[in-house]
């Protein structure tokens, strides 16, 4: 397998059964946005290998049911002018306070400008991986596992709902709503790759919502997710008629593009759990704060 390079690990693709003459033919069909000359250049530089460490050459016959590793590259990647802050670090765990607009992991048009790649380059930790994730639009706490062998123990805490998370949000004030309130609903994909929505059926998403304070037409809310469905907090707030301020997805999908003057007013404020190795109670707080106008 290819090593990490400048904080970026190799991407992987599985080769299914098929009748492609060469591996190059498959890669060109599987990734039509990457031109054949680009693949040939990567191969000449030794940047495409199979799972056994053998190079993939331009004329190598197609071989099904193995994995191929390669380095992903972007022609242009715009720098994100905000920086993550490391709140805590030991041999197993790193806790980061993430700014708005910065993705946690590479995806789409983001590669180097992600928390994961920035930290790998800064700290020289090739096995670093997020234990959980928050949206690019959301600011606040993200936990990272330093060592591969420790990762599942931390992720098990999330799977078994043994992590207590608190978020804060700024959203419209509706005097007719009485808080605290618990929103329970079924959330599924909405037919658009970016969106989720509520549908009829057994609830799979639960959020406790409390009112913390008001300022004219806006209010500060505390959100406590019991479950972890994608976009759960944003969907639940919009469904209550109090969409989070400057949300570009809910209730209305707006054209994509970062407006640094209007960050989504959602903050992963605190996280608490019992450490799976020491048994010690852990509690971390974001240093960021959402401000009511």
C-alpha atoms as a PDB file:
ATOM      1  CA  UNK A   1       0.000   0.000   0.000  1.00  0.00           C
ATOM      2  CA  UNK A   2       1.198   3.517  -0.770  1.00  0.00           C
ATOM      3  CA  UNK A   3       2.450   5.610   2.173  1.00  0.00           C
ATOM      4  CA  UNK A   4       0.882   8.852   3.377  1.00  0.00           C
ATOM      5  CA  UNK A   5       2.167  11.804   1.354  1.00  0.00           C
ATOM      6  CA  UNK A   6       1.996  15.366   2.721  1.00  0.00           C
ATOM      7  CA  UNK A   7      -0.702  14.244   5.130  1.00  0.00           C
ATOM      8  CA  UNK A   8      -2.811  12.610   2.407  1.00  0.00           C
ATOM      9  CA  UNK A   9      -3.280   8.853   2.460  1.00  0.00           C
ATOM     10  CA  UNK A  10      -3.938   6.929  -0.737  1.00  0.00           C
ATOM     11  CA  UNK A  11      -7.449   6.368  -2.029  1.00  0.00           C
ATOM     12  CA  UNK A  12      -8.664   2.839  -2.669  1.00  0.00           C
ATOM     13  CA  UNK A  13     -10.929   1.233  -5.277  1.00  0.00           C
ATOM     14  CA  UNK A  14     -12.063  -2.376  -5.450  1.00  0.00           C
ATOM     15  CA  UNK A  15     -11.917  -4.122  -8.826  1.00  0.00           C
ATOM     16  CA  UNK A  16     -15.149  -6.000  -9.563  1.00  0.00           C
ATOM     17  CA  UNK A  17     -15.654  -8.862 -11.965  1.00  0.00           C
ATOM     18  CA  UNK A  18     -15.636  -7.568 -15.529  1.00  0.00           C
ATOM     19  CA  UNK A  19     -14.175  -7.799 -19.016  1.00  0.00           C
ATOM     20  CA  UNK A  20     -11.851  -4.808 -19.121  1.00  0.00           C
ATOM     21  CA  UNK A  21      -8.668  -5.615 -21.035  1.00  0.00           C
ATOM     22  CA  UNK A  22      -6.393  -3.655 -18.698  1.00  0.00           C
ATOM     23  CA  UNK A  23      -6.557  -2.063 -15.291  1.00  0.00           C
ATOM     24  CA  UNK A  24      -6.092   1.289 -17.008  1.00  0.00           C
ATOM     25  CA  UNK A  25      -9.273   0.708 -19.015  1.00  0.00           C
ATOM     26  CA  UNK A  26     -11.211   0.050 -15.807  1.00  0.00           C
ATOM     27  CA  UNK A  27      -9.816   3.106 -14.001  1.00  0.00           C
ATOM     28  CA  UNK A  28     -10.672   5.382 -16.933  1.00  0.00           C
ATOM     29  CA  UNK A  29     -14.250   4.071 -17.034  1.00  0.00           C
ATOM     30  CA  UNK A  30     -14.674   4.103 -13.253  1.00  0.00           C
ATOM     31  CA  UNK A  31     -13.363   7.680 -12.926  1.00  0.00           C
ATOM     32  CA  UNK A  32     -14.376   9.492 -16.132  1.00  0.00           C
ATOM     33  CA  UNK A  33     -13.309  12.882 -14.743  1.00  0.00           C
ATOM     34  CA  UNK A  34      -9.675  11.683 -14.676  1.00  0.00           C
ATOM     35  CA  UNK A  35      -8.150  11.625 -18.159  1.00  0.00           C
ATOM     36  CA  UNK A  36      -6.159   8.608 -19.366  1.00  0.00           C
ATOM     37  CA  UNK A  37      -2.910  10.648 -19.631  1.00  0.00           C
ATOM     38  CA  UNK A  38      -3.295  11.524 -15.941  1.00  0.00           C
ATOM     39  CA  UNK A  39      -3.496   7.842 -15.009  1.00  0.00           C
ATOM     40  CA  UNK A  40      -0.502   7.066 -17.218  1.00  0.00           C
ATOM     41  CA  UNK A  41       1.524   9.823 -15.556  1.00  0.00           C
ATOM     42  CA  UNK A  42       0.597   8.560 -12.075  1.00  0.00           C
ATOM     43  CA  UNK A  43       1.615   5.026 -13.069  1.00  0.00           C
ATOM     44  CA  UNK A  44       4.959   6.209 -14.445  1.00  0.00           C
ATOM     45  CA  UNK A  45       5.625   7.877 -11.082  1.00  0.00           C
ATOM     46  CA  UNK A  46       4.769   4.725  -9.133  1.00  0.00           C
ATOM     47  CA  UNK A  47       1.620   6.264  -7.671  1.00  0.00           C
ATOM     48  CA  UNK A  48      -0.789   3.414  -8.498  1.00  0.00           C
ATOM     49  CA  UNK A  49      -0.338   0.047  -6.761  1.00  0.00           C
ATOM     50  CA  UNK A  50      -2.356  -3.020  -5.909  1.00  0.00           C
ATOM     51  CA  UNK A  51      -2.991  -4.253  -2.369  1.00  0.00           C
ATOM     52  CA  UNK A  52       0.075  -6.501  -2.536  1.00  0.00           C
ATOM     53  CA  UNK A  53       2.420  -3.614  -3.309  1.00  0.00           C
ATOM     54  CA  UNK A  54       2.841  -4.460  -7.000  1.00  0.00           C
ATOM     55  CA  UNK A  55       2.760  -1.479  -9.395  1.00  0.00           C
ATOM     56  CA  UNK A  56      -0.159  -1.023 -11.751  1.00  0.00           C
ATOM     57  CA  UNK A  57       1.365  -0.389 -15.164  1.00  0.00           C
ATOM     58  CA  UNK A  58      -0.438   0.967 -18.254  1.00  0.00           C
ATOM     59  CA  UNK A  59      -0.717  -2.447 -19.979  1.00  0.00           C
ATOM     60  CA  UNK A  60      -1.215  -4.647 -16.903  1.00  0.00           C
ATOM     61  CA  UNK A  61      -4.093  -7.075 -17.599  1.00  0.00           C
ATOM     62  CA  UNK A  62      -7.250  -6.568 -15.620  1.00  0.00           C
ATOM     63  CA  UNK A  63      -7.437  -8.584 -12.402  1.00  0.00           C
ATOM     64  CA  UNK A  64     -10.754  -8.740 -10.570  1.00  0.00           C
ATOM     65  CA  UNK A  65     -11.387  -8.916  -6.824  1.00  0.00           C
ATOM     66  CA  UNK A  66      -8.333  -7.001  -5.658  1.00  0.00           C
ATOM     67  CA  UNK A  67      -7.907  -3.438  -4.454  1.00  0.00           C
ATOM     68  CA  UNK A  68      -5.940  -0.677  -6.140  1.00  0.00           C
ATOM     69  CA  UNK A  69      -4.469   2.284  -4.271  1.00  0.00           C
ATOM     70  CA  UNK A  70      -3.706   5.667  -5.807  1.00  0.00           C
ATOM     71  CA  UNK A  71      -3.176   9.274  -4.788  1.00  0.00           C
ATOM     72  CA  UNK A  72      -6.123  11.577  -5.275  1.00  0.00           C
ATOM     73  CA  UNK A  73      -5.307  15.064  -6.568  1.00  0.00           C
ATOM     74  CA  UNK A  74      -7.176  18.303  -7.176  1.00  0.00           C
ATOM     75  CA  UNK A  75      -6.330  20.761  -9.927  1.00  0.00           C
ATOM     76  CA  UNK A  76      -7.274  23.718  -7.724  1.00  0.00           C
ATOM     77  CA  UNK A  77      -8.072  23.804  -4.021  1.00  0.00           C
ATOM     78  CA  UNK A  78      -8.997  27.096  -2.433  1.00  0.00           C
ATOM     79  CA  UNK A  79      -7.405  27.746   0.979  1.00  0.00           C
ATOM     80  CA  UNK A  80      -9.818  28.026   3.911  1.00  0.00           C
ATOM     81  CA  UNK A  81      -8.771  30.994   6.079  1.00  0.00           C
ATOM     82  CA  UNK A  82      -9.731  29.463   9.430  1.00  0.00           C
ATOM     83  CA  UNK A  83      -7.725  27.218  11.717  1.00  0.00           C
ATOM     84  CA  UNK A  84      -8.415  24.256  13.954  1.00  0.00           C
ATOM     85  CA  UNK A  85      -7.282  24.377  17.597  1.00  0.00           C
ATOM     86  CA  UNK A  86      -6.006  21.331  19.475  1.00  0.00           C
ATOM     87  CA  UNK A  87      -7.628  21.355  22.918  1.00  0.00           C
ATOM     88  CA  UNK A  88      -6.199  18.064  24.197  1.00  0.00           C
ATOM     89  CA  UNK A  89      -3.666  15.464  23.065  1.00  0.00           C
ATOM     90  CA  UNK A  90      -2.286  12.247  24.521  1.00  0.00           C
ATOM     91  CA  UNK A  91      -0.968   8.966  23.077  1.00  0.00           C
ATOM     92  CA  UNK A  92      -4.452   7.776  22.120  1.00  0.00           C
ATOM     93  CA  UNK A  93      -6.719  10.784  21.686  1.00  0.00           C
ATOM     94  CA  UNK A  94      -6.730  14.269  20.162  1.00  0.00           C
ATOM     95  CA  UNK A  95      -9.594  16.708  20.709  1.00  0.00           C
ATOM     96  CA  UNK A  96      -9.935  19.496  18.156  1.00  0.00           C
ATOM     97  CA  UNK A  97     -12.028  22.661  18.140  1.00  0.00           C
ATOM     98  CA  UNK A  98     -13.005  22.928  14.461  1.00  0.00           C
ATOM     99  CA  UNK A  99     -13.930  26.236  12.820  1.00  0.00           C
ATOM    100  CA  UNK A 100     -16.899  26.717  10.526  1.00  0.00           C
ATOM    101  CA  UNK A 101     -16.340  25.925   6.820  1.00  0.00           C
ATOM    102  CA  UNK A 102     -13.476  23.443   7.356  1.00  0.00           C
ATOM    103  CA  UNK A 103     -14.311  19.793   6.503  1.00  0.00           C
ATOM    104  CA  UNK A 104     -13.198  17.047   8.858  1.00  0.00           C
ATOM    105  CA  UNK A 105     -12.054  14.627   6.132  1.00  0.00           C
ATOM    106  CA  UNK A 106     -11.283  14.822   2.394  1.00  0.00           C
ATOM    107  CA  UNK A 107     -14.292  14.728   0.059  1.00  0.00           C
ATOM    108  CA  UNK A 108     -15.417  16.438  -3.127  1.00  0.00           C
ATOM    109  CA  UNK A 109     -13.345  19.567  -3.745  1.00  0.00           C
ATOM    110  CA  UNK A 110     -11.614  19.396  -0.355  1.00  0.00           C
ATOM    111  CA  UNK A 111      -8.396  17.455   0.199  1.00  0.00           C
ATOM    112  CA  UNK A 112      -5.546  19.327   1.879  1.00  0.00           C
ATOM    113  CA  UNK A 113      -7.937  21.893   3.373  1.00  0.00           C
ATOM    114  CA  UNK A 114      -9.426  19.474   5.896  1.00  0.00           C
ATOM    115  CA  UNK A 115      -8.855  18.980   9.615  1.00  0.00           C
ATOM    116  CA  UNK A 116      -7.517  15.451   9.125  1.00  0.00           C
ATOM    117  CA  UNK A 117      -4.895  16.285   6.510  1.00  0.00           C
ATOM    118  CA  UNK A 118      -3.829  19.473   8.278  1.00  0.00           C
ATOM    119  CA  UNK A 119      -3.270  17.540  11.514  1.00  0.00           C
ATOM    120  CA  UNK A 120      -1.404  14.701   9.804  1.00  0.00           C
ATOM    121  CA  UNK A 121       0.985  17.186   8.243  1.00  0.00           C
ATOM    122  CA  UNK A 122       1.371  19.226  11.418  1.00  0.00           C
ATOM    123  CA  UNK A 123       1.807  16.323  13.833  1.00  0.00           C
ATOM    124  CA  UNK A 124       3.306  13.628  11.596  1.00  0.00           C
ATOM    125  CA  UNK A 125       0.695  11.059  12.658  1.00  0.00           C
ATOM    126  CA  UNK A 126      -0.082   8.902   9.621  1.00  0.00           C
ATOM    127  CA  UNK A 127      -2.600   6.674  11.470  1.00  0.00           C
ATOM    128  CA  UNK A 128      -4.672   9.592  12.746  1.00  0.00           C
ATOM    129  CA  UNK A 129      -8.397   9.164  12.041  1.00  0.00           C
ATOM    130  CA  UNK A 130     -11.634  10.835  13.170  1.00  0.00           C
ATOM    131  CA  UNK A 131     -13.665   8.872  15.709  1.00  0.00           C
ATOM    132  CA  UNK A 132     -16.828  10.719  14.637  1.00  0.00           C
ATOM    133  CA  UNK A 133     -17.610  13.632  12.320  1.00  0.00           C
ATOM    134  CA  UNK A 134     -19.536  16.885  12.162  1.00  0.00           C
ATOM    135  CA  UNK A 135     -20.659  18.802   9.088  1.00  0.00           C
ATOM    136  CA  UNK A 136     -18.269  21.162   7.332  1.00  0.00           C
ATOM    137  CA  UNK A 137     -20.718  23.982   8.119  1.00  0.00           C
ATOM    138  CA  UNK A 138     -20.762  23.175  11.845  1.00  0.00           C
ATOM    139  CA  UNK A 139     -18.092  24.406  14.266  1.00  0.00           C
ATOM    140  CA  UNK A 140     -16.924  22.730  17.448  1.00  0.00           C
ATOM    141  CA  UNK A 141     -15.514  19.555  18.919  1.00  0.00           C
ATOM    142  CA  UNK A 142     -14.192  16.576  16.948  1.00  0.00           C
ATOM    143  CA  UNK A 143     -12.331  13.594  18.441  1.00  0.00           C
ATOM    144  CA  UNK A 144      -9.454  11.858  16.644  1.00  0.00           C
ATOM    145  CA  UNK A 145      -7.857   8.492  17.371  1.00  0.00           C
ATOM    146  CA  UNK A 146      -4.051   8.550  17.264  1.00  0.00           C
ATOM    147  CA  UNK A 147      -3.434   4.780  17.003  1.00  0.00           C
ATOM    148  CA  UNK A 148      -5.209   2.357  14.720  1.00  0.00           C
ATOM    149  CA  UNK A 149      -5.523  -0.293  17.444  1.00  0.00           C
ATOM    150  CA  UNK A 150      -7.425   2.067  19.792  1.00  0.00           C
ATOM    151  CA  UNK A 151      -9.958   3.352  17.289  1.00  0.00           C
ATOM    152  CA  UNK A 152     -12.710   0.766  17.642  1.00  0.00           C
ATOM    153  CA  UNK A 153     -12.871   1.153  21.427  1.00  0.00           C
ATOM    154  CA  UNK A 154     -13.684   4.847  21.048  1.00  0.00           C
ATOM    155  CA  UNK A 155     -16.064   4.345  18.133  1.00  0.00           C
ATOM    156  CA  UNK A 156     -17.932   1.722  20.164  1.00  0.00           C
ATOM    157  CA  UNK A 157     -18.852   4.457  22.651  1.00  0.00           C
ATOM    158  CA  UNK A 158     -20.646   6.322  19.863  1.00  0.00           C
ATOM    159  CA  UNK A 159     -22.312   3.206  18.473  1.00  0.00           C
ATOM    160  CA  UNK A 160     -23.702   2.333  21.916  1.00  0.00           C
ATOM    161  CA  UNK A 161     -24.747   5.930  22.700  1.00  0.00           C
ATOM    162  CA  UNK A 162     -22.365   6.261  25.607  1.00  0.00           C
ATOM    163  CA  UNK A 163     -21.188   9.712  24.517  1.00  0.00           C
ATOM    164  CA  UNK A 164     -23.063  12.778  25.766  1.00  0.00           C
ATOM    165  CA  UNK A 165     -22.965  15.649  23.269  1.00  0.00           C
ATOM    166  CA  UNK A 166     -24.356  19.157  23.639  1.00  0.00           C
ATOM    167  CA  UNK A 167     -24.753  21.628  20.779  1.00  0.00           C
ATOM    168  CA  UNK A 168     -25.774  25.269  20.748  1.00  0.00           C
ATOM    169  CA  UNK A 169     -27.638  27.040  17.967  1.00  0.00           C
ATOM    170  CA  UNK A 170     -28.978  30.484  17.122  1.00  0.00           C
ATOM    171  CA  UNK A 171     -32.399  30.351  15.486  1.00  0.00           C
ATOM    172  CA  UNK A 172     -35.660  32.324  15.322  1.00  0.00           C
ATOM    173  CA  UNK A 173     -37.710  32.774  18.458  1.00  0.00           C
ATOM    174  CA  UNK A 174     -41.275  31.432  18.398  1.00  0.00           C
ATOM    175  CA  UNK A 175     -43.116  32.446  21.599  1.00  0.00           C
ATOM    176  CA  UNK A 176     -45.873  29.910  20.950  1.00  0.00           C
ATOM    177  CA  UNK A 177     -43.415  27.024  21.341  1.00  0.00           C
ATOM    178  CA  UNK A 178     -42.951  25.768  24.884  1.00  0.00           C
ATOM    179  CA  UNK A 179     -39.522  24.506  25.910  1.00  0.00           C
ATOM    180  CA  UNK A 180     -37.963  22.141  26.722  1.00  0.00           C
ATOM    181  CA  UNK A 181     -39.229  20.014  23.856  1.00  0.00           C
ATOM    182  CA  UNK A 182     -38.189  16.634  22.482  1.00  0.00           C
ATOM    183  CA  UNK A 183     -38.395  16.092  18.731  1.00  0.00           C
ATOM    184  CA  UNK A 184     -38.776  12.456  17.672  1.00  0.00           C
ATOM    185  CA  UNK A 185     -39.163  11.591  14.005  1.00  0.00           C
ATOM    186  CA  UNK A 186     -38.007   9.346  11.202  1.00  0.00           C
ATOM    187  CA  UNK A 187     -35.293  10.948   9.049  1.00  0.00           C
ATOM    188  CA  UNK A 188     -34.301   9.515   5.674  1.00  0.00           C
ATOM    189  CA  UNK A 189     -32.617  10.736   2.493  1.00  0.00           C
ATOM    190  CA  UNK A 190     -34.728  13.268   0.612  1.00  0.00           C
ATOM    191  CA  UNK A 191     -33.930  12.314  -2.985  1.00  0.00           C
ATOM    192  CA  UNK A 192     -31.109  14.874  -3.212  1.00  0.00           C
ATOM    193  CA  UNK A 193     -27.617  13.797  -2.164  1.00  0.00           C
ATOM    194  CA  UNK A 194     -27.285  16.810   0.130  1.00  0.00           C
ATOM    195  CA  UNK A 195     -30.644  16.634   1.890  1.00  0.00           C
ATOM    196  CA  UNK A 196     -32.520  14.638   4.512  1.00  0.00           C
ATOM    197  CA  UNK A 197     -36.180  14.945   5.493  1.00  0.00           C
ATOM    198  CA  UNK A 198     -38.748  13.665   7.964  1.00  0.00           C
ATOM    199  CA  UNK A 199     -41.143  10.930   6.827  1.00  0.00           C
ATOM    200  CA  UNK A 200     -43.854   8.841   8.409  1.00  0.00           C
ATOM    201  CA  UNK A 201     -42.688   5.806  10.329  1.00  0.00           C
ATOM    202  CA  UNK A 202     -41.039   4.679  13.515  1.00  0.00           C
ATOM    203  CA  UNK A 203     -38.734   7.400  14.894  1.00  0.00           C
ATOM    204  CA  UNK A 204     -35.013   6.929  14.316  1.00  0.00           C
ATOM    205  CA  UNK A 205     -33.931  10.426  15.401  1.00  0.00           C
ATOM    206  CA  UNK A 206     -34.393  12.029  18.818  1.00  0.00           C
ATOM    207  CA  UNK A 207     -33.292  15.502  19.937  1.00  0.00           C
ATOM    208  CA  UNK A 208     -33.889  17.304  23.248  1.00  0.00           C
ATOM    209  CA  UNK A 209     -34.147  21.082  22.739  1.00  0.00           C
ATOM    210  CA  UNK A 210     -33.960  23.743  25.455  1.00  0.00           C
ATOM    211  CA  UNK A 211     -34.280  27.525  25.267  1.00  0.00           C
ATOM    212  CA  UNK A 212     -31.251  29.304  26.771  1.00  0.00           C
ATOM    213  CA  UNK A 213     -32.056  32.954  26.040  1.00  0.00           C
ATOM    214  CA  UNK A 214     -33.711  35.438  23.707  1.00  0.00           C
ATOM    215  CA  UNK A 215     -32.750  38.638  21.916  1.00  0.00           C
ATOM    216  CA  UNK A 216     -35.588  40.198  19.928  1.00  0.00           C
ATOM    217  CA  UNK A 217     -36.398  37.835  17.041  1.00  0.00           C
ATOM    218  CA  UNK A 218     -33.601  35.333  17.670  1.00  0.00           C
ATOM    219  CA  UNK A 219     -32.889  32.920  20.498  1.00  0.00           C
ATOM    220  CA  UNK A 220     -30.083  30.675  21.746  1.00  0.00           C
ATOM    221  CA  UNK A 221     -30.934  26.982  21.999  1.00  0.00           C
ATOM    222  CA  UNK A 222     -29.259  23.984  23.573  1.00  0.00           C
ATOM    223  CA  UNK A 223     -29.565  20.834  21.462  1.00  0.00           C
ATOM    224  CA  UNK A 224     -28.938  17.398  22.890  1.00  0.00           C
ATOM    225  CA  UNK A 225     -29.011  14.655  20.244  1.00  0.00           C
ATOM    226  CA  UNK A 226     -29.847  11.187  21.534  1.00  0.00           C
ATOM    227  CA  UNK A 227     -29.284   9.634  18.109  1.00  0.00           C
ATOM    228  CA  UNK A 228     -26.846  10.578  15.367  1.00  0.00           C
ATOM    229  CA  UNK A 229     -28.673  10.771  12.053  1.00  0.00           C
ATOM    230  CA  UNK A 230     -27.098  12.891   9.334  1.00  0.00           C
ATOM    231  CA  UNK A 231     -28.264  16.536   9.564  1.00  0.00           C
ATOM    232  CA  UNK A 232     -30.522  15.560  12.455  1.00  0.00           C
ATOM    233  CA  UNK A 233     -30.280  18.852  14.356  1.00  0.00           C
ATOM    234  CA  UNK A 234     -30.778  20.970  11.250  1.00  0.00           C
ATOM    235  CA  UNK A 235     -33.784  18.918  10.124  1.00  0.00           C
ATOM    236  CA  UNK A 236     -35.424  18.937  13.565  1.00  0.00           C
ATOM    237  CA  UNK A 237     -35.006  22.679  14.058  1.00  0.00           C
ATOM    238  CA  UNK A 238     -36.411  23.430  10.605  1.00  0.00           C
ATOM    239  CA  UNK A 239     -39.342  21.074  11.233  1.00  0.00           C
ATOM    240  CA  UNK A 240     -40.210  23.060  14.365  1.00  0.00           C
ATOM    241  CA  UNK A 241     -40.316  26.250  12.310  1.00  0.00           C
ATOM    242  CA  UNK A 242     -37.081  27.573  13.818  1.00  0.00           C
ATOM    243  CA  UNK A 243     -34.380  26.776  11.219  1.00  0.00           C
ATOM    244  CA  UNK A 244     -30.846  27.450  12.378  1.00  0.00           C
ATOM    245  CA  UNK A 245     -29.639  30.879  11.349  1.00  0.00           C
ATOM    246  CA  UNK A 246     -27.843  30.971   7.983  1.00  0.00           C
ATOM    247  CA  UNK A 247     -28.570  27.338   7.197  1.00  0.00           C
ATOM    248  CA  UNK A 248     -28.094  26.952   3.457  1.00  0.00           C
ATOM    249  CA  UNK A 249     -29.859  23.579   3.308  1.00  0.00           C
ATOM    250  CA  UNK A 250     -32.924  23.681   5.563  1.00  0.00           C
ATOM    251  CA  UNK A 251     -35.636  24.583   4.958  1.00  0.00           C
ATOM    252  CA  UNK A 252     -34.428  25.828   1.536  1.00  0.00           C
ATOM    253  CA  UNK A 253     -31.485  24.535  -0.479  1.00  0.00           C
ATOM    254  CA  UNK A 254     -29.427  27.512  -1.669  1.00  0.00           C
ATOM    255  CA  UNK A 255     -26.614  27.618  -4.258  1.00  0.00           C
ATOM    256  CA  UNK A 256     -23.394  26.160  -2.907  1.00  0.00           C
ATOM    257  CA  UNK A 257     -20.640  28.579  -2.039  1.00  0.00           C
ATOM    258  CA  UNK A 258     -18.988  29.679   1.175  1.00  0.00           C
ATOM    259  CA  UNK A 259     -20.116  33.036   2.548  1.00  0.00           C
ATOM    260  CA  UNK A 260     -17.629  33.518   5.347  1.00  0.00           C
ATOM    261  CA  UNK A 261     -19.728  36.330   6.786  1.00  0.00           C
ATOM    262  CA  UNK A 262     -22.717  34.035   7.365  1.00  0.00           C
ATOM    263  CA  UNK A 263     -21.567  30.820   9.084  1.00  0.00           C
ATOM    264  CA  UNK A 264     -24.190  28.283  10.102  1.00  0.00           C
ATOM    265  CA  UNK A 265     -24.998  29.140  13.696  1.00  0.00           C
ATOM    266  CA  UNK A 266     -24.481  25.640  15.042  1.00  0.00           C
ATOM    267  CA  UNK A 267     -21.724  24.699  17.487  1.00  0.00           C
ATOM    268  CA  UNK A 268     -20.716  21.313  18.887  1.00  0.00           C
ATOM    269  CA  UNK A 269     -20.276  22.788  22.357  1.00  0.00           C
ATOM    270  CA  UNK A 270     -19.344  19.916  24.687  1.00  0.00           C
ATOM    271  CA  UNK A 271     -18.690  16.200  24.731  1.00  0.00           C
ATOM    272  CA  UNK A 272     -18.486  13.805  27.691  1.00  0.00           C
ATOM    273  CA  UNK A 273     -17.754  10.072  28.035  1.00  0.00           C
ATOM    274  CA  UNK A 274     -15.949   7.516  30.187  1.00  0.00           C
ATOM    275  CA  UNK A 275     -12.603   6.701  28.621  1.00  0.00           C
ATOM    276  CA  UNK A 276     -12.635   3.043  27.446  1.00  0.00           C
ATOM    277  CA  UNK A 277      -9.024   2.506  28.530  1.00  0.00           C
ATOM    278  CA  UNK A 278      -8.617   4.400  31.814  1.00  0.00           C
ATOM    279  CA  UNK A 279     -12.282   4.430  32.843  1.00  0.00           C
ATOM    280  CA  UNK A 280     -11.824   8.098  33.706  1.00  0.00           C
ATOM    281  CA  UNK A 281     -14.642  10.575  33.054  1.00  0.00           C
ATOM    282  CA  UNK A 282     -13.731  12.853  30.145  1.00  0.00           C
ATOM    283  CA  UNK A 283     -15.329  16.222  29.449  1.00  0.00           C
ATOM    284  CA  UNK A 284     -14.324  18.740  26.791  1.00  0.00           C
ATOM    285  CA  UNK A 285     -15.716  22.198  25.995  1.00  0.00           C
ATOM    286  CA  UNK A 286     -15.388  24.245  22.803  1.00  0.00           C
ATOM    287  CA  UNK A 287     -13.706  27.613  23.220  1.00  0.00           C
ATOM    288  CA  UNK A 288     -15.966  29.095  20.571  1.00  0.00           C
ATOM    289  CA  UNK A 289     -19.215  30.929  21.230  1.00  0.00           C
ATOM    290  CA  UNK A 290     -22.216  31.828  19.117  1.00  0.00           C
ATOM    291  CA  UNK A 291     -23.269  35.441  19.678  1.00  0.00           C
ATOM    292  CA  UNK A 292     -26.830  36.694  19.684  1.00  0.00           C
ATOM    293  CA  UNK A 293     -27.144  40.026  17.802  1.00  0.00           C
END
